[in-house]
Amino acid sequence: VQLVESGGGSVQAGGSLRLSCVYSRFTYSNYCMGWFRQAPGEEHQRVATTDNYGNTRYADSVKGRFTISQDSGKNTLYLQMNSLKPEDTAVYYCAADPVIWTRSGELCVSRDYKNWGQGTQVTVSS
């Protein structure tokens, strides 16, 4: 699976950005996909995950502000980020794996993803 992110940039606090991740076609009908981020000096953090059924899960820090979605016709995963805060500053990565089953998206949350994009920088200034 090949993944290419885009849409990062610099924005002031309270602003919005939409990240996109174009992926190559999956060989299985079931798959997990997600957005992750890593700020300097911090651990890799899960932001949001979804599966082919549209089940979604969010980290508590982004609930109500971020929305993960997909357009399977365009092979694209999105992350709409609203009400951005300086603490959202990080490199954002998309990840995706074909899977046997997702258990309504639960297995996408803790999965050790094998396929990653190159990352896109998001900078939020106060």
Protein backbone atom coordinates (compact mmCIF):
# COMPACT_ATOMS: atom_id res chain seq x y z
CA VAL A 1 0.00 0.00 0.00
CA GLN A 2 1.42 3.38 -0.99
CA LEU A 3 0.30 6.51 0.83
CA VAL A 4 0.89 10.16 -0.05
CA GLU A 5 -0.22 12.94 2.32
CA SER A 6 -0.85 16.57 1.48
CA GLY A 7 -2.57 19.61 2.94
CA GLY A 8 -0.32 20.55 5.81
CA GLY A 9 0.73 24.12 6.45
CA SER A 10 0.77 26.96 8.93
CA VAL A 11 -2.35 28.43 10.48
CA GLN A 12 -3.25 30.58 13.45
CA ALA A 13 -4.98 29.15 16.48
CA GLY A 14 -8.69 28.70 15.84
CA GLY A 15 -8.13 28.08 12.15
CA SER A 16 -8.76 25.00 10.02
CA LEU A 17 -6.84 22.70 7.73
CA ARG A 18 -7.78 19.60 5.76
CA LEU A 19 -5.23 16.86 5.26
CA SER A 20 -5.52 14.37 2.42
CA CYS A 21 -3.93 10.96 1.97
CA VAL A 22 -4.13 9.23 -1.39
CA TYR A 23 -3.68 5.47 -1.13
CA SER A 24 -3.21 2.67 -3.59
CA ARG A 25 -6.00 0.13 -3.92
CA PHE A 26 -6.32 -2.46 -1.15
CA THR A 27 -6.10 -6.13 -1.99
CA TYR A 28 -8.59 -7.05 0.75
CA SER A 29 -12.09 -5.65 1.12
CA ASN A 30 -11.49 -4.90 4.80
CA TYR A 31 -8.97 -2.31 5.88
CA CYS A 32 -7.96 0.00 8.68
CA MET A 33 -6.74 3.54 8.12
CA GLY A 34 -5.73 6.30 10.45
CA TRP A 35 -4.06 9.60 11.12
CA PHE A 36 -1.21 9.87 13.59
CA ARG A 37 1.03 12.72 14.64
CA GLN A 38 4.38 13.31 16.23
CA ALA A 39 5.59 16.55 17.75
CA PRO A 40 9.29 17.19 18.43
CA GLY A 41 10.43 15.36 21.54
CA GLU A 42 7.11 13.57 21.94
CA GLU A 43 5.85 10.09 21.26
CA HIS A 44 3.89 9.08 18.22
CA GLN A 45 0.20 9.73 18.93
CA ARG A 46 -2.93 8.28 17.40
CA VAL A 47 -5.29 11.02 16.21
CA ALA A 48 -8.16 9.18 14.50
CA THR A 49 -8.85 5.85 12.82
CA THR A 50 -11.48 4.45 10.51
CA ASP A 51 -12.24 1.30 8.57
CA ASN A 52 -13.92 0.32 5.31
CA TYR A 53 -17.30 0.36 7.08
CA GLY A 54 -16.84 3.97 8.15
CA ASN A 55 -16.43 3.24 11.86
CA THR A 56 -14.40 6.02 13.45
CA ARG A 57 -12.43 6.49 16.66
CA TYR A 58 -10.81 9.67 17.94
CA ALA A 59 -8.23 10.57 20.53
CA ASP A 60 -9.81 12.52 23.38
CA SER A 61 -7.63 15.53 22.58
CA VAL A 62 -9.24 16.00 19.15
CA LYS A 63 -12.84 14.87 19.70
CA GLY A 64 -15.30 17.45 18.49
CA ARG A 65 -12.62 19.32 16.51
CA PHE A 66 -11.25 16.80 14.00
CA THR A 67 -13.15 14.59 11.56
CA ILE A 68 -11.73 11.60 9.71
CA SER A 69 -13.45 10.62 6.48
CA GLN A 70 -12.76 8.79 3.25
CA ASP A 71 -13.75 8.86 -0.38
CA SER A 72 -13.22 5.30 -1.60
CA GLY A 73 -13.98 6.35 -5.17
CA LYS A 74 -10.97 8.65 -5.07
CA ASN A 75 -8.88 6.35 -2.82
CA THR A 76 -8.44 9.27 -0.45
CA LEU A 77 -8.48 9.58 3.32
CA TYR A 78 -9.14 12.99 4.87
CA LEU A 79 -8.63 14.67 8.20
CA GLN A 80 -10.61 17.87 8.66
CA MET A 81 -9.09 19.84 11.51
CA ASN A 82 -11.06 22.72 13.01
CA SER A 83 -10.45 24.94 16.02
CA LEU A 84 -6.76 24.21 15.81
CA LYS A 85 -4.59 24.78 18.86
CA PRO A 86 -0.83 25.32 19.15
CA GLU A 87 -0.56 21.88 20.78
CA ASP A 88 -1.80 20.35 17.52
CA THR A 89 1.51 21.32 15.93
CA ALA A 90 3.18 18.14 14.68
CA VAL A 91 4.06 16.09 11.64
CA TYR A 92 0.91 14.23 10.64
CA TYR A 93 1.09 10.78 9.07
CA CYS A 94 -1.52 8.58 7.51
CA ALA A 95 -1.35 4.82 7.86
CA ALA A 96 -3.32 2.03 6.25
CA ASP A 97 -3.39 -1.77 6.27
CA PRO A 98 -5.60 -4.41 4.70
CA VAL A 99 -7.01 -6.61 7.47
CA ILE A 100 -9.12 -9.71 7.94
CA TRP A 101 -11.67 -7.88 10.10
CA THR A 102 -11.93 -4.67 12.08
CA ARG A 103 -14.42 -5.55 14.84
CA SER A 104 -16.42 -2.40 14.15
CA GLY A 105 -13.25 -0.37 14.03
CA GLU A 106 -11.91 -1.40 17.44
CA LEU A 107 -8.97 -3.29 15.97
CA CYS A 108 -7.95 -0.24 13.95
CA VAL A 109 -7.23 1.72 17.14
CA SER A 110 -4.48 -0.43 18.61
CA ARG A 111 -3.14 -1.84 15.37
CA ASP A 112 0.59 -1.74 14.66
CA TYR A 113 0.31 -0.33 11.15
CA LYS A 114 2.73 -1.52 8.51
CA ASN A 115 2.14 1.07 5.79
CA TRP A 116 2.85 4.76 6.32
CA GLY A 117 2.97 7.96 4.34
CA GLN A 118 5.87 10.40 4.39
CA GLY A 119 4.16 12.89 6.71
CA THR A 120 3.02 16.48 6.37
CA GLN A 121 3.84 19.33 8.76
CA VAL A 122 1.08 21.19 10.56
CA THR A 123 2.07 24.31 12.49
CA VAL A 124 -0.41 26.23 14.62
CA SER A 125 0.66 29.59 15.98
CA SER A 126 -0.92 31.36 18.94
